[in-house]
């Protein structure tokens, strides 16, 4: 069964195109390393909750938009091997170079995790 990596970040709204450009470059590496699909979503209807919500989870400010991303892998073994390889490539691949492809958001406020699907329709 597939394995999913999920990410939620706050991106300065003015950096929408920079986010798309950054993701296009960086996400190509996920595909090269075996990802079946990579989805990048720009917040369109992200309401404020009464107790918690996406915006609070990433400490989004009024001038930021919440982005939701996920990577679909064929299985956890492929994902684990890809993450190990990515650690090595982070030092050498220009798609991860802060000079050539800087993150247009505060990576310290990103939340992420790996998920094993339990229902798939």
N, C-alpha and C. Protein backbone atom coordinates (compact mmCIF):
# COMPACT_ATOMS: atom_id res chain seq x y z
N UNK A 1 0.84 -1.19 0.00
CA UNK A 1 0.00 0.00 0.00
C UNK A 1 0.88 1.24 0.00
N UNK A 2 0.39 2.32 -0.57
CA UNK A 2 1.11 3.58 -0.68
C UNK A 2 1.49 4.13 0.70
N UNK A 3 2.41 5.07 0.69
CA UNK A 3 2.82 5.78 1.89
C UNK A 3 2.79 7.26 1.54
N UNK A 4 2.33 8.10 2.48
CA UNK A 4 2.14 9.53 2.22
C UNK A 4 2.98 10.37 3.17
N UNK A 5 3.69 11.33 2.62
CA UNK A 5 4.32 12.38 3.42
C UNK A 5 3.46 13.62 3.27
N UNK A 6 3.10 14.25 4.39
CA UNK A 6 2.27 15.44 4.35
C UNK A 6 3.00 16.64 4.95
N UNK A 7 2.73 17.82 4.40
CA UNK A 7 3.38 19.06 4.82
C UNK A 7 2.36 20.19 4.87
N UNK A 8 2.46 21.04 5.88
CA UNK A 8 1.66 22.25 5.97
C UNK A 8 2.62 23.39 6.30
N UNK A 9 2.54 24.47 5.51
CA UNK A 9 3.43 25.61 5.72
C UNK A 9 2.66 26.91 5.55
N UNK A 10 3.23 27.97 6.12
CA UNK A 10 2.71 29.32 5.92
C UNK A 10 3.64 30.02 4.94
N UNK A 11 3.08 30.52 3.86
CA UNK A 11 3.87 31.18 2.81
C UNK A 11 3.41 32.64 2.71
N UNK A 12 4.34 33.59 2.71
CA UNK A 12 3.91 34.96 2.47
C UNK A 12 3.09 35.01 1.17
N UNK A 13 1.90 35.57 1.24
CA UNK A 13 1.00 35.59 0.10
C UNK A 13 1.67 36.21 -1.13
N UNK A 14 2.51 37.19 -0.91
CA UNK A 14 3.21 37.83 -2.02
C UNK A 14 4.20 36.88 -2.70
N UNK A 15 4.54 35.78 -2.05
CA UNK A 15 5.51 34.83 -2.58
C UNK A 15 4.86 33.64 -3.27
N UNK A 16 3.60 33.76 -3.67
CA UNK A 16 2.91 32.61 -4.27
C UNK A 16 3.67 32.06 -5.48
N UNK A 17 4.05 32.91 -6.42
CA UNK A 17 4.75 32.41 -7.60
C UNK A 17 6.12 31.85 -7.23
N UNK A 18 6.81 32.48 -6.29
CA UNK A 18 8.11 31.96 -5.83
C UNK A 18 7.93 30.58 -5.20
N UNK A 19 6.83 30.39 -4.47
CA UNK A 19 6.52 29.08 -3.88
C UNK A 19 6.32 28.04 -4.99
N UNK A 20 5.55 28.40 -6.01
CA UNK A 20 5.29 27.48 -7.12
C UNK A 20 6.60 27.14 -7.84
N UNK A 21 7.43 28.14 -8.08
CA UNK A 21 8.70 27.90 -8.75
C UNK A 21 9.61 27.01 -7.92
N UNK A 22 9.69 27.30 -6.62
CA UNK A 22 10.52 26.50 -5.71
C UNK A 22 10.03 25.06 -5.68
N UNK A 23 8.73 24.88 -5.54
CA UNK A 23 8.16 23.54 -5.46
C UNK A 23 8.39 22.76 -6.75
N UNK A 24 8.24 23.43 -7.87
CA UNK A 24 8.43 22.76 -9.16
C UNK A 24 9.85 22.20 -9.26
N UNK A 25 10.83 22.96 -8.83
CA UNK A 25 12.22 22.49 -8.87
C UNK A 25 12.44 21.38 -7.84
N UNK A 26 12.09 21.64 -6.60
CA UNK A 26 12.37 20.68 -5.53
C UNK A 26 11.56 19.39 -5.69
N UNK A 27 10.31 19.50 -6.10
CA UNK A 27 9.45 18.31 -6.20
C UNK A 27 9.90 17.36 -7.30
N UNK A 28 10.61 17.88 -8.29
CA UNK A 28 11.10 16.99 -9.34
C UNK A 28 12.03 15.93 -8.77
N UNK A 29 12.72 16.26 -7.68
CA UNK A 29 13.61 15.29 -7.05
C UNK A 29 12.81 14.16 -6.40
N UNK A 30 11.67 14.48 -5.77
CA UNK A 30 10.83 13.42 -5.20
C UNK A 30 10.45 12.41 -6.29
N UNK A 31 10.07 12.92 -7.44
CA UNK A 31 9.68 12.04 -8.56
C UNK A 31 10.86 11.19 -9.01
N UNK A 32 12.03 11.79 -9.12
CA UNK A 32 13.21 11.04 -9.53
C UNK A 32 13.54 9.93 -8.55
N UNK A 33 13.22 10.15 -7.28
CA UNK A 33 13.54 9.17 -6.24
C UNK A 33 12.41 8.18 -5.99
N UNK A 34 11.37 8.20 -6.83
CA UNK A 34 10.36 7.16 -6.75
C UNK A 34 8.97 7.58 -6.36
N UNK A 35 8.75 8.85 -6.08
CA UNK A 35 7.39 9.30 -5.73
C UNK A 35 6.46 9.09 -6.92
N UNK A 36 5.26 8.64 -6.63
CA UNK A 36 4.27 8.45 -7.68
C UNK A 36 3.58 9.76 -8.03
N UNK A 37 3.44 10.63 -7.02
CA UNK A 37 2.71 11.87 -7.22
C UNK A 37 3.12 12.87 -6.15
N UNK A 38 3.21 14.14 -6.54
CA UNK A 38 3.48 15.23 -5.60
C UNK A 38 2.42 16.29 -5.85
N UNK A 39 1.74 16.71 -4.80
CA UNK A 39 0.67 17.71 -4.90
C UNK A 39 1.04 18.91 -4.03
N UNK A 40 0.94 20.09 -4.62
CA UNK A 40 1.15 21.35 -3.89
C UNK A 40 -0.16 22.13 -3.97
N UNK A 41 -0.70 22.52 -2.83
CA UNK A 41 -1.99 23.21 -2.79
C UNK A 41 -1.84 24.56 -2.10
N UNK A 42 -2.50 25.56 -2.68
CA UNK A 42 -2.50 26.92 -2.13
C UNK A 42 -3.81 27.14 -1.40
N UNK A 43 -3.76 27.56 -0.16
CA UNK A 43 -4.97 27.76 0.64
C UNK A 43 -5.99 28.66 -0.04
N UNK A 44 -7.21 28.16 -0.11
CA UNK A 44 -8.29 28.89 -0.76
C UNK A 44 -9.47 29.11 0.19
N UNK A 45 -9.73 28.13 1.03
CA UNK A 45 -10.83 28.19 1.99
C UNK A 45 -10.33 27.54 3.28
N UNK A 46 -9.51 28.29 4.03
CA UNK A 46 -8.87 27.78 5.24
C UNK A 46 -9.38 28.60 6.42
N UNK A 47 -10.49 28.15 7.02
CA UNK A 47 -11.13 28.95 8.07
C UNK A 47 -10.36 28.93 9.39
N UNK A 48 -10.58 29.98 10.16
CA UNK A 48 -10.08 30.01 11.52
C UNK A 48 -10.96 29.13 12.37
N UNK A 49 -10.35 28.29 13.18
CA UNK A 49 -11.11 27.42 14.07
C UNK A 49 -11.32 28.07 15.42
N UNK A 50 -12.11 27.40 16.25
CA UNK A 50 -12.35 27.91 17.61
C UNK A 50 -11.30 27.40 18.59
N UNK A 51 -10.74 26.22 18.32
CA UNK A 51 -9.74 25.65 19.21
C UNK A 51 -8.38 25.53 18.51
N UNK A 52 -8.40 25.01 17.30
CA UNK A 52 -7.17 24.89 16.51
C UNK A 52 -7.53 24.91 15.03
N UNK A 53 -6.54 25.14 14.19
CA UNK A 53 -6.76 25.18 12.75
C UNK A 53 -5.41 25.15 12.04
N UNK A 54 -5.44 25.09 10.73
CA UNK A 54 -4.21 25.06 9.94
C UNK A 54 -3.37 26.30 10.18
N UNK A 55 -4.00 27.47 10.24
CA UNK A 55 -3.26 28.72 10.39
C UNK A 55 -2.49 28.74 11.71
N UNK A 56 -3.15 28.34 12.78
CA UNK A 56 -2.47 28.31 14.08
C UNK A 56 -1.38 27.27 14.11
N UNK A 57 -1.60 26.16 13.43
CA UNK A 57 -0.62 25.07 13.44
C UNK A 57 0.74 25.54 12.92
N UNK A 58 0.73 26.46 11.95
CA UNK A 58 1.99 26.94 11.37
C UNK A 58 2.26 28.41 11.72
N UNK A 59 1.49 28.95 12.66
CA UNK A 59 1.64 30.32 13.12
C UNK A 59 1.59 31.32 11.96
N UNK A 60 0.64 31.11 11.05
CA UNK A 60 0.48 32.00 9.90
C UNK A 60 0.04 33.38 10.35
N UNK A 61 0.62 34.38 9.72
CA UNK A 61 0.25 35.77 9.98
C UNK A 61 -0.79 36.21 8.95
N UNK A 62 -1.32 37.40 9.13
CA UNK A 62 -2.36 37.89 8.22
C UNK A 62 -1.88 38.02 6.77
N UNK A 63 -0.58 38.20 6.58
CA UNK A 63 -0.06 38.35 5.21
C UNK A 63 0.50 37.04 4.65
N UNK A 64 0.09 35.91 5.25
CA UNK A 64 0.54 34.60 4.78
C UNK A 64 -0.65 33.73 4.40
N UNK A 65 -0.40 32.82 3.49
CA UNK A 65 -1.39 31.84 3.05
C UNK A 65 -0.88 30.46 3.44
N UNK A 66 -1.78 29.60 3.88
CA UNK A 66 -1.40 28.24 4.24
C UNK A 66 -1.34 27.39 2.98
N UNK A 67 -0.25 26.65 2.84
CA UNK A 67 -0.10 25.71 1.73
C UNK A 67 -0.05 24.30 2.30
N UNK A 68 -0.68 23.39 1.58
CA UNK A 68 -0.74 21.98 1.97
C UNK A 68 -0.12 21.18 0.83
N UNK A 69 0.79 20.30 1.18
CA UNK A 69 1.48 19.50 0.17
C UNK A 69 1.53 18.05 0.64
N UNK A 70 1.55 17.16 -0.35
CA UNK A 70 1.80 15.77 0.01
C UNK A 70 2.51 15.07 -1.13
N UNK A 71 3.26 14.03 -0.71
CA UNK A 71 3.99 13.20 -1.64
C UNK A 71 3.48 11.78 -1.47
N UNK A 72 3.08 11.18 -2.57
CA UNK A 72 2.58 9.81 -2.54
C UNK A 72 3.67 8.87 -3.05
N UNK A 73 4.06 7.95 -2.19
CA UNK A 73 5.09 6.96 -2.51
C UNK A 73 4.43 5.60 -2.73
N UNK A 74 5.06 4.71 -3.48
CA UNK A 74 4.47 3.38 -3.68
C UNK A 74 4.41 2.57 -2.39
N UNK A 75 5.38 2.83 -1.48
CA UNK A 75 5.43 2.11 -0.19
C UNK A 75 6.42 2.84 0.72
N UNK A 76 6.43 2.45 1.99
CA UNK A 76 7.29 3.12 2.97
C UNK A 76 8.77 2.85 2.69
N UNK A 77 9.10 1.67 2.19
CA UNK A 77 10.50 1.36 1.89
C UNK A 77 11.06 2.30 0.83
N UNK A 78 10.28 2.59 -0.21
CA UNK A 78 10.72 3.52 -1.26
C UNK A 78 10.90 4.90 -0.67
N UNK A 79 9.96 5.30 0.17
CA UNK A 79 10.05 6.63 0.81
C UNK A 79 11.28 6.72 1.71
N UNK A 80 11.52 5.70 2.52
CA UNK A 80 12.66 5.73 3.42
C UNK A 80 13.98 5.80 2.65
N UNK A 81 14.09 5.04 1.58
CA UNK A 81 15.30 5.08 0.75
C UNK A 81 15.46 6.45 0.11
N UNK A 82 14.35 7.04 -0.35
CA UNK A 82 14.40 8.36 -0.97
C UNK A 82 14.83 9.42 0.05
N UNK A 83 14.31 9.35 1.27
CA UNK A 83 14.68 10.34 2.29
C UNK A 83 16.16 10.23 2.64
N UNK A 84 16.66 9.02 2.69
CA UNK A 84 18.10 8.83 2.96
C UNK A 84 18.92 9.46 1.84
N UNK A 85 18.52 9.22 0.61
CA UNK A 85 19.23 9.78 -0.55
C UNK A 85 19.09 11.30 -0.58
N UNK A 86 17.93 11.82 -0.19
CA UNK A 86 17.72 13.27 -0.18
C UNK A 86 18.64 13.95 0.81
N UNK A 87 18.89 13.31 1.95
CA UNK A 87 19.82 13.88 2.92
C UNK A 87 21.18 14.13 2.27
N UNK A 88 21.61 13.21 1.43
CA UNK A 88 22.89 13.36 0.73
C UNK A 88 22.79 14.46 -0.34
N UNK A 89 21.68 14.46 -1.08
CA UNK A 89 21.52 15.41 -2.18
C UNK A 89 21.31 16.84 -1.70
N UNK A 90 20.81 17.01 -0.47
CA UNK A 90 20.59 18.35 0.07
C UNK A 90 21.89 19.16 0.05
N UNK A 91 23.01 18.47 0.10
CA UNK A 91 24.31 19.14 0.13
C UNK A 91 24.85 19.44 -1.26
N UNK A 92 24.32 18.75 -2.29
CA UNK A 92 24.94 18.87 -3.61
C UNK A 92 23.98 19.28 -4.73
N UNK A 93 22.69 19.04 -4.58
CA UNK A 93 21.75 19.28 -5.67
C UNK A 93 21.25 20.73 -5.61
N UNK A 94 21.39 21.45 -6.74
CA UNK A 94 21.03 22.87 -6.74
C UNK A 94 19.55 23.12 -6.50
N UNK A 95 18.70 22.10 -6.67
CA UNK A 95 17.27 22.28 -6.38
C UNK A 95 17.05 22.55 -4.90
N UNK A 96 18.03 22.20 -4.06
CA UNK A 96 17.94 22.45 -2.63
C UNK A 96 18.92 23.53 -2.18
N UNK A 97 19.61 24.17 -3.11
CA UNK A 97 20.56 25.23 -2.79
C UNK A 97 19.80 26.47 -2.34
N UNK A 98 20.13 26.96 -1.18
CA UNK A 98 19.48 28.19 -0.69
C UNK A 98 19.85 29.39 -1.55
N UNK A 99 20.96 29.31 -2.26
CA UNK A 99 21.35 30.41 -3.15
C UNK A 99 20.60 30.34 -4.47
N UNK A 100 20.44 29.14 -5.03
CA UNK A 100 19.81 29.01 -6.35
C UNK A 100 18.31 28.76 -6.28
N UNK A 101 17.83 28.22 -5.18
CA UNK A 101 16.40 27.94 -5.03
C UNK A 101 15.99 28.17 -3.57
N UNK A 102 16.04 29.43 -3.11
CA UNK A 102 15.74 29.70 -1.70
C UNK A 102 14.28 29.40 -1.35
N UNK A 103 14.08 28.92 -0.14
CA UNK A 103 12.71 28.65 0.32
C UNK A 103 11.98 29.98 0.48
N UNK A 104 10.83 30.14 -0.15
CA UNK A 104 10.08 31.39 -0.03
C UNK A 104 9.14 31.39 1.18
N UNK A 105 9.51 30.67 2.22
CA UNK A 105 8.71 30.56 3.44
C UNK A 105 9.65 30.20 4.59
N UNK A 106 9.14 30.29 5.81
CA UNK A 106 9.91 29.97 7.00
C UNK A 106 9.80 28.46 7.27
N UNK A 107 10.83 27.73 6.90
CA UNK A 107 10.82 26.28 7.06
C UNK A 107 10.72 25.80 8.50
N UNK A 108 11.06 26.67 9.46
CA UNK A 108 10.98 26.28 10.87
C UNK A 108 9.54 26.11 11.34
N UNK A 109 8.60 26.72 10.61
CA UNK A 109 7.19 26.62 11.00
C UNK A 109 6.44 25.55 10.21
N UNK A 110 7.16 24.81 9.38
CA UNK A 110 6.53 23.72 8.62
C UNK A 110 6.19 22.57 9.57
N UNK A 111 5.01 22.00 9.38
CA UNK A 111 4.70 20.76 10.08
C UNK A 111 4.64 19.66 9.02
N UNK A 112 5.10 18.48 9.40
CA UNK A 112 5.17 17.40 8.42
C UNK A 112 5.14 16.06 9.13
N UNK A 113 4.85 15.04 8.38
CA UNK A 113 4.86 13.69 8.94
C UNK A 113 4.59 12.68 7.85
N UNK A 114 4.89 11.43 8.17
CA UNK A 114 4.64 10.31 7.27
C UNK A 114 3.41 9.56 7.74
N UNK A 115 2.59 9.11 6.78
CA UNK A 115 1.32 8.52 7.11
C UNK A 115 1.08 7.23 6.30
N UNK A 116 0.62 6.21 6.99
CA UNK A 116 0.23 4.96 6.35
C UNK A 116 -1.27 5.00 6.12
N UNK A 117 -1.71 4.94 4.87
CA UNK A 117 -3.15 4.95 4.59
C UNK A 117 -3.85 3.76 5.27
N UNK A 118 -5.05 4.02 5.79
CA UNK A 118 -5.84 2.95 6.40
C UNK A 118 -7.16 2.74 5.66
N UNK A 119 -7.57 3.72 4.87
CA UNK A 119 -8.76 3.59 4.03
C UNK A 119 -8.42 4.22 2.69
N UNK A 120 -8.72 3.52 1.62
CA UNK A 120 -8.49 4.06 0.29
C UNK A 120 -9.66 3.64 -0.58
N UNK A 121 -10.38 4.62 -1.13
CA UNK A 121 -11.54 4.35 -1.96
C UNK A 121 -11.24 4.67 -3.42
